[in-house]
Amino acid sequence: NTKPRDLTVFKKNKEFEIVWTLFNTGTKTIPAKHDIKYLSGTILMKDPTATVREFGVDLKPGDSVTIIMDAIAPDKKGKHVMTWVVEGNMCYPYIAIIVE
């Protein structure tokens, strides 16, 4: 689950929140110490050095965790995609926005 939705349009330098809800659809618990890390694309975080986050909770099968980041639209027009990865290459949350 991702907010904002794919290809949401923002004005240049508009602040917003990125919200990812990650679900454990597997059969094993994912430890709280697991990281979600920036992988590629336009850095949209308001703090560009905040490229790693821990889950902070054990994620048992069927459980979910919500990751929230402060973000800012770039000052360059066009489509911007930012991709992160959950440690162990379990999933690749991303956000895709349009700046007008």
Foldseek 3Di string as FASTA:
>chain_A
DWPPDAAAEDEAFDKDKIKDKDAQQDQAKDAQQWKKFWDDWDQFAPPSVPGIDTQNHIHHHGRIGMDMGIGTHHNDFAKTKTWIATPVRPDIDMHIYGYD
